[in-house]
Amino acid sequence: MIQSTIKVLLVLAGFLPVDYAAALAAGKPATQPPVIVSTAFDADQNGMVISGHHFGSAVPIVRLGNQVLQVKSHTDNQAVVTLPPAIPSATYRLTVTTDGPRKLTSAPFSATVFSVADR
């Protein structure tokens, strides 16, 4: 019974972000990693609203592809970011990383951005 419980825990840990899974395996208390649930593109403001959970109280680090985005405002459940000027329309890998003593990163989220020229 104990062996099957350990296997189940290891399988579940495989679906968690690396930092969070490592903290659980070491028996250390860990805060939950950010989770991105949805995004909304705002072409008029050249921005994006990212909704989710566990973004933290400090300003999170938001990456779209290889670029770090400017966070205009945030709460624990939402971040509003400015997109780079003239960003090409595409689907990008989006991540949110908490800032603080333990930096936890969300699983990648596919976010589609439309350039102003494509509207």
PDB file of N, CA and C in Angstrom:
ATOM      1  N   MET A   1       0.816  -1.189   0.000  1.00  0.00           N
ATOM      2  CA  MET A   1       0.000   0.000   0.000  1.00  0.00           C
ATOM      3  C   MET A   1       0.861   1.255   0.000  1.00  0.00           C
ATOM      4  N   ILE A   2       1.913   1.264   0.816  1.00  0.00           N
ATOM      5  CA  ILE A   2       2.790   2.433   0.883  1.00  0.00           C
ATOM      6  C   ILE A   2       3.494   2.646  -0.457  1.00  0.00           C
ATOM      7  N   GLN A   3       3.964   1.568  -1.098  1.00  0.00           N
ATOM      8  CA  GLN A   3       4.638   1.702  -2.381  1.00  0.00           C
ATOM      9  C   GLN A   3       3.715   2.300  -3.437  1.00  0.00           C
ATOM     10  N   SER A   4       2.465   1.871  -3.494  1.00  0.00           N
ATOM     11  CA  SER A   4       1.554   2.414  -4.507  1.00  0.00           C
ATOM     12  C   SER A   4       1.249   3.879  -4.220  1.00  0.00           C
ATOM     13  N   THR A   5       1.184   4.267  -2.951  1.00  0.00           N
ATOM     14  CA  THR A   5       0.965   5.672  -2.607  1.00  0.00           C
ATOM     15  C   THR A   5       2.143   6.514  -3.061  1.00  0.00           C
ATOM     16  N   ILE A   6       3.351   6.040  -2.853  1.00  0.00           N
ATOM     17  CA  ILE A   6       4.548   6.765  -3.289  1.00  0.00           C
ATOM     18  C   ILE A   6       4.552   6.912  -4.803  1.00  0.00           C
ATOM     19  N   LYS A   7       4.204   5.865  -5.525  1.00  0.00           N
ATOM     20  CA  LYS A   7       4.175   5.943  -6.987  1.00  0.00           C
ATOM     21  C   LYS A   7       3.160   6.981  -7.453  1.00  0.00           C
ATOM     22  N   VAL A   8       2.011   7.019  -6.831  1.00  0.00           N
ATOM     23  CA  VAL A   8       0.995   7.992  -7.202  1.00  0.00           C
ATOM     24  C   VAL A   8       1.502   9.400  -6.944  1.00  0.00           C
ATOM     25  N   LEU A   9       2.152   9.624  -5.822  1.00  0.00           N
ATOM     26  CA  LEU A   9       2.695  10.938  -5.517  1.00  0.00           C
ATOM     27  C   LEU A   9       3.759  11.339  -6.522  1.00  0.00           C
ATOM     28  N   LEU A  10       4.609  10.417  -6.918  1.00  0.00           N
ATOM     29  CA  LEU A  10       5.645  10.724  -7.896  1.00  0.00           C
ATOM     30  C   LEU A  10       5.037  11.043  -9.255  1.00  0.00           C
ATOM     31  N   VAL A  11       4.018  10.333  -9.642  1.00  0.00           N
ATOM     32  CA  VAL A  11       3.348  10.610 -10.910  1.00  0.00           C
ATOM     33  C   VAL A  11       2.712  11.989 -10.872  1.00  0.00           C
ATOM     34  N   LEU A  12       2.014  12.306  -9.774  1.00  0.00           N
ATOM     35  CA  LEU A  12       1.399  13.627  -9.650  1.00  0.00           C
ATOM     36  C   LEU A  12       2.444  14.724  -9.632  1.00  0.00           C
ATOM     37  N   ALA A  13       3.581  14.495  -8.986  1.00  0.00           N
ATOM     38  CA  ALA A  13       4.644  15.494  -8.942  1.00  0.00           C
ATOM     39  C   ALA A  13       5.180  15.787 -10.334  1.00  0.00           C
ATOM     40  N   GLY A  14       5.087  14.843 -11.251  1.00  0.00           N
ATOM     41  CA  GLY A  14       5.543  15.062 -12.620  1.00  0.00           C
ATOM     42  C   GLY A  14       4.740  16.113 -13.358  1.00  0.00           C
ATOM     43  N   PHE A  15       3.542  16.431 -12.880  1.00  0.00           N
ATOM     44  CA  PHE A  15       2.707  17.436 -13.514  1.00  0.00           C
ATOM     45  C   PHE A  15       2.835  18.810 -12.858  1.00  0.00           C
ATOM     46  N   LEU A  16       3.661  18.922 -11.834  1.00  0.00           N
ATOM     47  CA  LEU A  16       3.838  20.179 -11.125  1.00  0.00           C
ATOM     48  C   LEU A  16       5.076  20.901 -11.622  1.00  0.00           C
ATOM     49  N   PRO A  17       5.119  22.245 -11.507  1.00  0.00           N
ATOM     50  CA  PRO A  17       6.347  22.957 -11.835  1.00  0.00           C
ATOM     51  C   PRO A  17       7.508  22.421 -11.003  1.00  0.00           C
ATOM     52  N   VAL A  18       8.709  22.458 -11.551  1.00  0.00           N
ATOM     53  CA  VAL A  18       9.883  21.826 -10.950  1.00  0.00           C
ATOM     54  C   VAL A  18      10.146  22.327  -9.536  1.00  0.00           C
ATOM     55  N   ASP A  19      10.121  23.642  -9.303  1.00  0.00           N
ATOM     56  CA  ASP A  19      10.412  24.175  -7.970  1.00  0.00           C
ATOM     57  C   ASP A  19       9.422  23.659  -6.933  1.00  0.00           C
ATOM     58  N   TYR A  20       8.166  23.618  -7.302  1.00  0.00           N
ATOM     59  CA  TYR A  20       7.115  23.192  -6.386  1.00  0.00           C
ATOM     60  C   TYR A  20       7.255  21.704  -6.080  1.00  0.00           C
ATOM     61  N   ALA A  21       7.499  20.888  -7.110  1.00  0.00           N
ATOM     62  CA  ALA A  21       7.665  19.443  -6.924  1.00  0.00           C
ATOM     63  C   ALA A  21       8.891  19.152  -6.064  1.00  0.00           C
ATOM     64  N   ALA A  22       9.983  19.898  -6.260  1.00  0.00           N
ATOM     65  CA  ALA A  22      11.199  19.685  -5.466  1.00  0.00           C
ATOM     66  C   ALA A  22      10.952  20.018  -3.995  1.00  0.00           C
ATOM     67  N   ALA A  23      10.216  21.095  -3.739  1.00  0.00           N
ATOM     68  CA  ALA A  23       9.911  21.477  -2.357  1.00  0.00           C
ATOM     69  C   ALA A  23       9.051  20.408  -1.685  1.00  0.00           C
ATOM     70  N   LEU A  24       8.076  19.874  -2.412  1.00  0.00           N
ATOM     71  CA  LEU A  24       7.234  18.818  -1.854  1.00  0.00           C
ATOM     72  C   LEU A  24       8.046  17.568  -1.563  1.00  0.00           C
ATOM     73  N   ALA A  25       8.946  17.199  -2.489  1.00  0.00           N
ATOM     74  CA  ALA A  25       9.756  15.996  -2.312  1.00  0.00           C
ATOM     75  C   ALA A  25      10.694  16.136  -1.119  1.00  0.00           C
ATOM     76  N   ALA A  26      11.176  17.358  -0.864  1.00  0.00           N
ATOM     77  CA  ALA A  26      12.089  17.589   0.253  1.00  0.00           C
ATOM     78  C   ALA A  26      11.351  17.764   1.570  1.00  0.00           C
ATOM     79  N   GLY A  27      10.020  17.745   1.517  1.00  0.00           N
ATOM     80  CA  GLY A  27       9.230  17.902   2.724  1.00  0.00           C
ATOM     81  C   GLY A  27       9.192  19.332   3.239  1.00  0.00           C
ATOM     82  N   LYS A  28       9.562  20.306   2.378  1.00  0.00           N
ATOM     83  CA  LYS A  28       9.557  21.713   2.777  1.00  0.00           C
ATOM     84  C   LYS A  28       8.195  22.326   2.458  1.00  0.00           C
ATOM     85  N   PRO A  29       7.780  23.287   3.273  1.00  0.00           N
ATOM     86  CA  PRO A  29       6.546  23.979   2.927  1.00  0.00           C
ATOM     87  C   PRO A  29       6.771  24.807   1.669  1.00  0.00           C
ATOM     88  N   ALA A  30       5.806  24.814   0.793  1.00  0.00           N
ATOM     89  CA  ALA A  30       5.945  25.572  -0.444  1.00  0.00           C
ATOM     90  C   ALA A  30       4.647  26.306  -0.723  1.00  0.00           C
ATOM     91  N   THR A  31       4.790  27.504  -1.251  1.00  0.00           N
ATOM     92  CA  THR A  31       3.601  28.192  -1.714  1.00  0.00           C
ATOM     93  C   THR A  31       3.222  27.592  -3.059  1.00  0.00           C
ATOM     94  N   GLN A  32       2.017  27.793  -3.469  1.00  0.00           N
ATOM     95  CA  GLN A  32       1.584  27.215  -4.735  1.00  0.00           C
ATOM     96  C   GLN A  32       2.118  28.039  -5.900  1.00  0.00           C
ATOM     97  N   PRO A  33       2.474  27.388  -6.999  1.00  0.00           N
ATOM     98  CA  PRO A  33       2.971  28.115  -8.165  1.00  0.00           C
ATOM     99  C   PRO A  33       1.829  28.865  -8.841  1.00  0.00           C
ATOM    100  N   PRO A  34       2.157  29.917  -9.588  1.00  0.00           N
ATOM    101  CA  PRO A  34       1.119  30.625 -10.322  1.00  0.00           C
ATOM    102  C   PRO A  34       0.460  29.703 -11.345  1.00  0.00           C
ATOM    103  N   VAL A  35      -0.805  29.959 -11.613  1.00  0.00           N
ATOM    104  CA  VAL A  35      -1.561  29.212 -12.615  1.00  0.00           C
ATOM    105  C   VAL A  35      -2.224  30.228 -13.536  1.00  0.00           C
ATOM    106  N   ILE A  36      -1.951  30.145 -14.830  1.00  0.00           N
ATOM    107  CA  ILE A  36      -2.605  31.016 -15.807  1.00  0.00           C
ATOM    108  C   ILE A  36      -3.854  30.301 -16.292  1.00  0.00           C
ATOM    109  N   VAL A  37      -5.003  30.983 -16.197  1.00  0.00           N
ATOM    110  CA  VAL A  37      -6.274  30.396 -16.608  1.00  0.00           C
ATOM    111  C   VAL A  37      -6.709  30.926 -17.965  1.00  0.00           C
ATOM    112  N   SER A  38      -6.519  32.235 -18.188  1.00  0.00           N
ATOM    113  CA  SER A  38      -6.940  32.823 -19.463  1.00  0.00           C
ATOM    114  C   SER A  38      -6.203  34.128 -19.711  1.00  0.00           C
ATOM    115  N   THR A  39      -6.265  34.562 -20.970  1.00  0.00           N
ATOM    116  CA  THR A  39      -5.710  35.861 -21.348  1.00  0.00           C
ATOM    117  C   THR A  39      -6.737  36.591 -22.197  1.00  0.00           C
ATOM    118  N   ALA A  40      -6.694  37.914 -22.142  1.00  0.00           N
ATOM    119  CA  ALA A  40      -7.546  38.746 -22.987  1.00  0.00           C
ATOM    120  C   ALA A  40      -6.655  39.809 -23.606  1.00  0.00           C
ATOM    121  N   PHE A  41      -6.635  39.867 -24.927  1.00  0.00           N
ATOM    122  CA  PHE A  41      -5.817  40.815 -25.666  1.00  0.00           C
ATOM    123  C   PHE A  41      -6.570  42.129 -25.811  1.00  0.00           C
ATOM    124  N   ASP A  42      -5.896  43.240 -25.531  1.00  0.00           N
ATOM    125  CA  ASP A  42      -6.497  44.570 -25.655  1.00  0.00           C
ATOM    126  C   ASP A  42      -5.672  45.373 -26.648  1.00  0.00           C
ATOM    127  N   ALA A  43      -6.093  45.361 -27.930  1.00  0.00           N
ATOM    128  CA  ALA A  43      -5.341  46.040 -28.987  1.00  0.00           C
ATOM    129  C   ALA A  43      -5.334  47.549 -28.801  1.00  0.00           C
ATOM    130  N   ASP A  44      -6.429  48.117 -28.296  1.00  0.00           N
ATOM    131  CA  ASP A  44      -6.499  49.570 -28.109  1.00  0.00           C
ATOM    132  C   ASP A  44      -5.470  50.062 -27.101  1.00  0.00           C
ATOM    133  N   GLN A  45      -5.224  49.294 -26.070  1.00  0.00           N
ATOM    134  CA  GLN A  45      -4.250  49.665 -25.042  1.00  0.00           C
ATOM    135  C   GLN A  45      -2.888  48.997 -25.259  1.00  0.00           C
ATOM    136  N   ASN A  46      -2.758  48.210 -26.348  1.00  0.00           N
ATOM    137  CA  ASN A  46      -1.550  47.435 -26.624  1.00  0.00           C
ATOM    138  C   ASN A  46      -1.139  46.635 -25.384  1.00  0.00           C
ATOM    139  N   GLY A  47      -2.123  45.917 -24.842  1.00  0.00           N
ATOM    140  CA  GLY A  47      -1.853  45.168 -23.628  1.00  0.00           C
ATOM    141  C   GLY A  47      -2.573  43.843 -23.581  1.00  0.00           C
ATOM    142  N   MET A  48      -2.398  43.177 -22.468  1.00  0.00           N
ATOM    143  CA  MET A  48      -3.019  41.880 -22.242  1.00  0.00           C
ATOM    144  C   MET A  48      -3.374  41.769 -20.762  1.00  0.00           C
ATOM    145  N   VAL A  49      -4.540  41.203 -20.507  1.00  0.00           N
ATOM    146  CA  VAL A  49      -4.970  40.907 -19.147  1.00  0.00           C
ATOM    147  C   VAL A  49      -4.798  39.406 -18.953  1.00  0.00           C
ATOM    148  N   ILE A  50      -4.032  39.045 -17.947  1.00  0.00           N
ATOM    149  CA  ILE A  50      -3.760  37.637 -17.652  1.00  0.00           C
ATOM    150  C   ILE A  50      -4.504  37.297 -16.365  1.00  0.00           C
ATOM    151  N   SER A  51      -5.373  36.312 -16.423  1.00  0.00           N
ATOM    152  CA  SER A  51      -6.147  35.900 -15.248  1.00  0.00           C
ATOM    153  C   SER A  51      -5.678  34.530 -14.782  1.00  0.00           C
ATOM    154  N   GLY A  52      -5.714  34.330 -13.472  1.00  0.00           N
ATOM    155  CA  GLY A  52      -5.292  33.046 -12.920  1.00  0.00           C
ATOM    156  C   GLY A  52      -5.311  33.057 -11.408  1.00  0.00           C
ATOM    157  N   HIS A  53      -4.353  32.353 -10.833  1.00  0.00           N
ATOM    158  CA  HIS A  53      -4.283  32.201  -9.379  1.00  0.00           C
ATOM    159  C   HIS A  53      -2.831  32.252  -8.922  1.00  0.00           C
ATOM    160  N   HIS A  54      -2.625  32.689  -7.692  1.00  0.00           N
ATOM    161  CA  HIS A  54      -1.327  32.613  -7.009  1.00  0.00           C
ATOM    162  C   HIS A  54      -0.236  33.448  -7.681  1.00  0.00           C
ATOM    163  N   PHE A  55      -0.591  34.652  -8.176  1.00  0.00           N
ATOM    164  CA  PHE A  55       0.414  35.526  -8.788  1.00  0.00           C
ATOM    165  C   PHE A  55       1.247  36.246  -7.724  1.00  0.00           C
ATOM    166  N   GLY A  56       0.792  36.199  -6.476  1.00  0.00           N
ATOM    167  CA  GLY A  56       1.541  36.784  -5.377  1.00  0.00           C
ATOM    168  C   GLY A  56       1.193  38.238  -5.119  1.00  0.00           C
ATOM    169  N   SER A  57       1.754  38.763  -4.023  1.00  0.00           N
ATOM    170  CA  SER A  57       1.489  40.160  -3.676  1.00  0.00           C
ATOM    171  C   SER A  57       2.521  41.101  -4.284  1.00  0.00           C
ATOM    172  N   ALA A  58       3.724  40.602  -4.565  1.00  0.00           N
ATOM    173  CA  ALA A  58       4.754  41.408  -5.236  1.00  0.00           C
ATOM    174  C   ALA A  58       4.507  41.372  -6.748  1.00  0.00           C
ATOM    175  N   VAL A  59       5.052  42.353  -7.450  1.00  0.00           N
ATOM    176  CA  VAL A  59       4.877  42.413  -8.906  1.00  0.00           C
ATOM    177  C   VAL A  59       5.480  41.150  -9.528  1.00  0.00           C
ATOM    178  N   PRO A  60       4.678  40.368 -10.261  1.00  0.00           N
ATOM    179  CA  PRO A  60       5.214  39.152 -10.873  1.00  0.00           C
ATOM    180  C   PRO A  60       6.058  39.479 -12.107  1.00  0.00           C
ATOM    181  N   ILE A  61       6.848  38.511 -12.505  1.00  0.00           N
ATOM    182  CA  ILE A  61       7.641  38.618 -13.733  1.00  0.00           C
ATOM    183  C   ILE A  61       6.860  37.876 -14.810  1.00  0.00           C
ATOM    184  N   VAL A  62       6.506  38.583 -15.880  1.00  0.00           N
ATOM    185  CA  VAL A  62       5.707  37.993 -16.952  1.00  0.00           C
ATOM    186  C   VAL A  62       6.566  37.936 -18.212  1.00  0.00           C
ATOM    187  N   ARG A  63       6.657  36.741 -18.774  1.00  0.00           N
ATOM    188  CA  ARG A  63       7.436  36.546 -20.010  1.00  0.00           C
ATOM    189  C   ARG A  63       6.511  36.099 -21.132  1.00  0.00           C
ATOM    190  N   LEU A  64       6.678  36.738 -22.275  1.00  0.00           N
ATOM    191  CA  LEU A  64       5.968  36.367 -23.494  1.00  0.00           C
ATOM    192  C   LEU A  64       7.042  35.989 -24.494  1.00  0.00           C
ATOM    193  N   GLY A  65       7.157  34.696 -24.789  1.00  0.00           N
ATOM    194  CA  GLY A  65       8.293  34.242 -25.585  1.00  0.00           C
ATOM    195  C   GLY A  65       9.559  34.511 -24.788  1.00  0.00           C
ATOM    196  N   ASN A  66      10.512  35.224 -25.407  1.00  0.00           N
ATOM    197  CA  ASN A  66      11.779  35.547 -24.740  1.00  0.00           C
ATOM    198  C   ASN A  66      11.778  36.932 -24.109  1.00  0.00           C
ATOM    199  N   GLN A  67      10.657  37.632 -24.158  1.00  0.00           N
ATOM    200  CA  GLN A  67      10.607  39.012 -23.682  1.00  0.00           C
ATOM    201  C   GLN A  67       9.941  39.118 -22.313  1.00  0.00           C
ATOM    202  N   VAL A  68      10.536  39.915 -21.441  1.00  0.00           N
ATOM    203  CA  VAL A  68       9.919  40.234 -20.156  1.00  0.00           C
ATOM    204  C   VAL A  68       9.018  41.435 -20.393  1.00  0.00           C
ATOM    205  N   LEU A  69       7.748  41.325 -19.987  1.00  0.00           N
ATOM    206  CA  LEU A  69       6.774  42.380 -20.215  1.00  0.00           C
ATOM    207  C   LEU A  69       6.661  43.309 -19.016  1.00  0.00           C
ATOM    208  N   GLN A  70       6.290  44.558 -19.284  1.00  0.00           N
ATOM    209  CA  GLN A  70       6.044  45.518 -18.211  1.00  0.00           C
ATOM    210  C   GLN A  70       4.680  45.235 -17.605  1.00  0.00           C
ATOM    211  N   VAL A  71       4.643  45.083 -16.284  1.00  0.00           N
ATOM    212  CA  VAL A  71       3.386  44.849 -15.566  1.00  0.00           C
ATOM    213  C   VAL A  71       2.838  46.205 -15.145  1.00  0.00           C
ATOM    214  N   LYS A  72       1.646  46.560 -15.694  1.00  0.00           N
ATOM    215  CA  LYS A  72       1.024  47.848 -15.367  1.00  0.00           C
ATOM    216  C   LYS A  72       0.291  47.785 -14.035  1.00  0.00           C
ATOM    217  N   SER A  73      -0.369  46.672 -13.754  1.00  0.00           N
ATOM    218  CA  SER A  73      -1.058  46.471 -12.481  1.00  0.00           C
ATOM    219  C   SER A  73      -1.196  44.970 -12.247  1.00  0.00           C
ATOM    220  N   HIS A  74      -1.428  44.616 -10.988  1.00  0.00           N
ATOM    221  CA  HIS A  74      -1.565  43.191 -10.675  1.00  0.00           C
ATOM    222  C   HIS A  74      -2.298  42.993  -9.350  1.00  0.00           C
ATOM    223  N   THR A  75      -2.871  41.812  -9.231  1.00  0.00           N
ATOM    224  CA  THR A  75      -3.419  41.308  -7.975  1.00  0.00           C
ATOM    225  C   THR A  75      -2.954  39.858  -7.888  1.00  0.00           C
ATOM    226  N   ASP A  76      -3.397  39.150  -6.882  1.00  0.00           N
ATOM    227  CA  ASP A  76      -3.034  37.738  -6.768  1.00  0.00           C
ATOM    228  C   ASP A  76      -3.666  36.903  -7.873  1.00  0.00           C
ATOM    229  N   ASN A  77      -4.730  37.436  -8.510  1.00  0.00           N
ATOM    230  CA  ASN A  77      -5.460  36.679  -9.536  1.00  0.00           C
ATOM    231  C   ASN A  77      -5.403  37.289 -10.931  1.00  0.00           C
ATOM    232  N   GLN A  78      -4.696  38.414 -11.084  1.00  0.00           N
ATOM    233  CA  GLN A  78      -4.699  39.055 -12.400  1.00  0.00           C
ATOM    234  C   GLN A  78      -3.458  39.929 -12.573  1.00  0.00           C
ATOM    235  N   ALA A  79      -2.950  39.972 -13.807  1.00  0.00           N
ATOM    236  CA  ALA A  79      -1.859  40.879 -14.155  1.00  0.00           C
ATOM    237  C   ALA A  79      -2.221  41.560 -15.470  1.00  0.00           C
ATOM    238  N   VAL A  80      -2.030  42.873 -15.524  1.00  0.00           N
ATOM    239  CA  VAL A  80      -2.251  43.634 -16.754  1.00  0.00           C
ATOM    240  C   VAL A  80      -0.872  44.059 -17.233  1.00  0.00           C
ATOM    241  N   VAL A  81      -0.531  43.668 -18.463  1.00  0.00           N
ATOM    242  CA  VAL A  81       0.804  43.924 -18.994  1.00  0.00           C
ATOM    243  C   VAL A  81       0.733  44.738 -20.283  1.00  0.00           C
ATOM    244  N   THR A  82       1.829  45.415 -20.576  1.00  0.00           N
ATOM    245  CA  THR A  82       1.985  46.146 -21.829  1.00  0.00           C
ATOM    246  C   THR A  82       2.752  45.254 -22.793  1.00  0.00           C
ATOM    247  N   LEU A  83       2.278  45.166 -24.017  1.00  0.00           N
ATOM    248  CA  LEU A  83       2.965  44.367 -25.029  1.00  0.00           C
ATOM    249  C   LEU A  83       4.004  45.222 -25.751  1.00  0.00           C
ATOM    250  N   PRO A  84       5.044  44.594 -26.290  1.00  0.00           N
ATOM    251  CA  PRO A  84       6.039  45.356 -27.045  1.00  0.00           C
ATOM    252  C   PRO A  84       5.390  46.002 -28.268  1.00  0.00           C
ATOM    253  N   PRO A  85       5.866  47.186 -28.666  1.00  0.00           N
ATOM    254  CA  PRO A  85       5.299  47.823 -29.856  1.00  0.00           C
ATOM    255  C   PRO A  85       5.552  46.960 -31.100  1.00  0.00           C
ATOM    256  N   ALA A  86       4.599  46.978 -32.004  1.00  0.00           N
ATOM    257  CA  ALA A  86       4.701  46.268 -33.286  1.00  0.00           C
ATOM    258  C   ALA A  86       4.992  44.778 -33.124  1.00  0.00           C
ATOM    259  N   ILE A  87       4.432  44.173 -32.085  1.00  0.00           N
ATOM    260  CA  ILE A  87       4.626  42.727 -31.890  1.00  0.00           C
ATOM    261  C   ILE A  87       3.866  41.987 -32.994  1.00  0.00           C
ATOM    262  N   PRO A  88       4.503  41.023 -33.642  1.00  0.00           N
ATOM    263  CA  PRO A  88       3.815  40.290 -34.713  1.00  0.00           C
ATOM    264  C   PRO A  88       2.687  39.410 -34.169  1.00  0.00           C
ATOM    265  N   SER A  89       1.652  39.253 -34.962  1.00  0.00           N
ATOM    266  CA  SER A  89       0.564  38.340 -34.595  1.00  0.00           C
ATOM    267  C   SER A  89       1.113  36.920 -34.554  1.00  0.00           C
ATOM    268  N   ALA A  90       0.865  36.243 -33.451  1.00  0.00           N
ATOM    269  CA  ALA A  90       1.352  34.864 -33.293  1.00  0.00           C
ATOM    270  C   ALA A  90       0.839  34.318 -31.973  1.00  0.00           C
ATOM    271  N   THR A  91       1.074  33.041 -31.770  1.00  0.00           N
ATOM    272  CA  THR A  91       0.816  32.412 -30.481  1.00  0.00           C
ATOM    273  C   THR A  91       2.161  32.285 -29.784  1.00  0.00           C
ATOM    274  N   TYR A  92       2.234  32.780 -28.561  1.00  0.00           N
ATOM    275  CA  TYR A  92       3.477  32.841 -27.800  1.00  0.00           C
ATOM    276  C   TYR A  92       3.365  32.007 -26.527  1.00  0.00           C
ATOM    277  N   ARG A  93       4.515  31.616 -26.009  1.00  0.00           N
ATOM    278  CA  ARG A  93       4.610  30.924 -24.721  1.00  0.00           C
ATOM    279  C   ARG A  93       4.601  31.998 -23.640  1.00  0.00           C
ATOM    280  N   LEU A  94       3.634  31.936 -22.737  1.00  0.00           N
ATOM    281  CA  LEU A  94       3.478  32.919 -21.677  1.00  0.00           C
ATOM    282  C   LEU A  94       3.716  32.252 -20.335  1.00  0.00           C
ATOM    283  N   THR A  95       4.513  32.884 -19.470  1.00  0.00           N
ATOM    284  CA  THR A  95       4.708  32.379 -18.112  1.00  0.00           C
ATOM    285  C   THR A  95       4.629  33.543 -17.120  1.00  0.00           C
ATOM    286  N   VAL A  96       4.223  33.219 -15.906  1.00  0.00           N
ATOM    287  CA  VAL A  96       4.199  34.171 -14.792  1.00  0.00           C
ATOM    288  C   VAL A  96       5.074  33.583 -13.699  1.00  0.00           C
ATOM    289  N   THR A  97       6.009  34.400 -13.181  1.00  0.00           N
ATOM    290  CA  THR A  97       6.900  33.974 -12.104  1.00  0.00           C
ATOM    291  C   THR A  97       6.682  34.900 -10.913  1.00  0.00           C
ATOM    292  N   THR A  98       6.472  34.307  -9.746  1.00  0.00           N
ATOM    293  CA  THR A  98       6.311  35.125  -8.549  1.00  0.00           C
ATOM    294  C   THR A  98       7.649  35.750  -8.187  1.00  0.00           C
ATOM    295  N   ASP A  99       7.587  36.937  -7.593  1.00  0.00           N
ATOM    296  CA  ASP A  99       8.804  37.599  -7.145  1.00  0.00           C
ATOM    297  C   ASP A  99       8.825  37.547  -5.626  1.00  0.00           C
ATOM    298  N   GLY A 100       9.962  37.309  -5.075  1.00  0.00           N
ATOM    299  CA  GLY A 100      10.088  37.188  -3.631  1.00  0.00           C
ATOM    300  C   GLY A 100      11.164  36.181  -3.292  1.00  0.00           C
ATOM    301  N   PRO A 101      11.178  35.709  -2.052  1.00  0.00           N
ATOM    302  CA  PRO A 101      12.230  34.776  -1.645  1.00  0.00           C
ATOM    303  C   PRO A 101      12.201  33.458  -2.432  1.00  0.00           C
ATOM    304  N   ARG A 102      11.001  32.989  -2.804  1.00  0.00           N
ATOM    305  CA  ARG A 102      10.873  31.768  -3.607  1.00  0.00           C
ATOM    306  C   ARG A 102      10.226  32.141  -4.924  1.00  0.00           C
ATOM    307  N   LYS A 103      10.957  32.047  -5.988  1.00  0.00           N
ATOM    308  CA  LYS A 103      10.420  32.347  -7.305  1.00  0.00           C
ATOM    309  C   LYS A 103       9.819  31.070  -7.891  1.00  0.00           C
ATOM    310  N   LEU A 104       8.508  31.061  -8.076  1.00  0.00           N
ATOM    311  CA  LEU A 104       7.821  29.919  -8.659  1.00  0.00           C
ATOM    312  C   LEU A 104       7.255  30.347 -10.001  1.00  0.00           C
ATOM    313  N   THR A 105       7.402  29.496 -10.997  1.00  0.00           N
ATOM    314  CA  THR A 105       6.962  29.815 -12.349  1.00  0.00           C
ATOM    315  C   THR A 105       5.787  28.940 -12.741  1.00  0.00           C
ATOM    316  N   SER A 106       4.838  29.553 -13.434  1.00  0.00           N
ATOM    317  CA  SER A 106       3.665  28.826 -13.919  1.00  0.00           C
ATOM    318  C   SER A 106       4.054  27.852 -15.021  1.00  0.00           C
ATOM    319  N   ALA A 107       3.175  26.923 -15.275  1.00  0.00           N
ATOM    320  CA  ALA A 107       3.324  26.092 -16.463  1.00  0.00           C
ATOM    321  C   ALA A 107       3.141  27.009 -17.674  1.00  0.00           C
ATOM    322  N   PRO A 108       3.788  26.723 -18.796  1.00  0.00           N
ATOM    323  CA  PRO A 108       3.620  27.575 -19.979  1.00  0.00           C
ATOM    324  C   PRO A 108       2.165  27.597 -20.445  1.00  0.00           C
ATOM    325  N   PHE A 109       1.742  28.755 -20.914  1.00  0.00           N
ATOM    326  CA  PHE A 109       0.388  28.970 -21.418  1.00  0.00           C
ATOM    327  C   PHE A 109       0.518  29.517 -22.827  1.00  0.00           C
ATOM    328  N   SER A 110      -0.268  29.009 -23.757  1.00  0.00           N
ATOM    329  CA  SER A 110      -0.240  29.518 -25.139  1.00  0.00           C
ATOM    330  C   SER A 110      -1.155  30.727 -25.245  1.00  0.00           C
ATOM    331  N   ALA A 111      -0.555  31.885 -25.508  1.00  0.00           N
ATOM    332  CA  ALA A 111      -1.312  33.141 -25.611  1.00  0.00           C
ATOM    333  C   ALA A 111      -1.204  33.666 -27.039  1.00  0.00           C
ATOM    334  N   THR A 112      -2.351  33.951 -27.621  1.00  0.00           N
ATOM    335  CA  THR A 112      -2.386  34.480 -28.977  1.00  0.00           C
ATOM    336  C   THR A 112      -2.481  35.996 -28.933  1.00  0.00           C
ATOM    337  N   VAL A 113      -1.594  36.644 -29.698  1.00  0.00           N
ATOM    338  CA  VAL A 113      -1.552  38.098 -29.778  1.00  0.00           C
ATOM    339  C   VAL A 113      -1.848  38.497 -31.227  1.00  0.00           C
ATOM    340  N   PHE A 114      -2.668  39.532 -31.383  1.00  0.00           N
ATOM    341  CA  PHE A 114      -2.985  40.047 -32.709  1.00  0.00           C
ATOM    342  C   PHE A 114      -2.398  41.440 -32.826  1.00  0.00           C
ATOM    343  N   SER A 115      -1.642  41.687 -33.898  1.00  0.00           N
ATOM    344  CA  SER A 115      -1.079  43.015 -34.085  1.00  0.00           C
ATOM    345  C   SER A 115      -2.180  43.995 -34.469  1.00  0.00           C
ATOM    346  N   VAL A 116      -1.946  45.267 -34.237  1.00  0.00           N
ATOM    347  CA  VAL A 116      -2.926  46.300 -34.540  1.00  0.00           C
ATOM    348  C   VAL A 116      -3.225  46.307 -36.043  1.00  0.00           C
ATOM    349  N   ALA A 117      -2.251  46.015 -36.874  1.00  0.00           N
ATOM    350  CA  ALA A 117      -2.430  46.005 -38.329  1.00  0.00           C
ATOM    351  C   ALA A 117      -3.407  44.905 -38.765  1.00  0.00           C
ATOM    352  N   ASP A 118      -3.544  43.841 -37.965  1.00  0.00           N
ATOM    353  CA  ASP A 118      -4.406  42.707 -38.328  1.00  0.00           C
ATOM    354  C   ASP A 118      -5.859  42.894 -37.908  1.00  0.00           C
ATOM    355  N   ARG A 119      -6.174  43.969 -37.187  1.00  0.00           N
ATOM    356  CA  ARG A 119      -7.555  44.163 -36.728  1.00  0.00           C
ATOM    357  C   ARG A 119      -8.464  44.542 -37.861  1.00  0.00           C
TER     358      ARG A 119
END
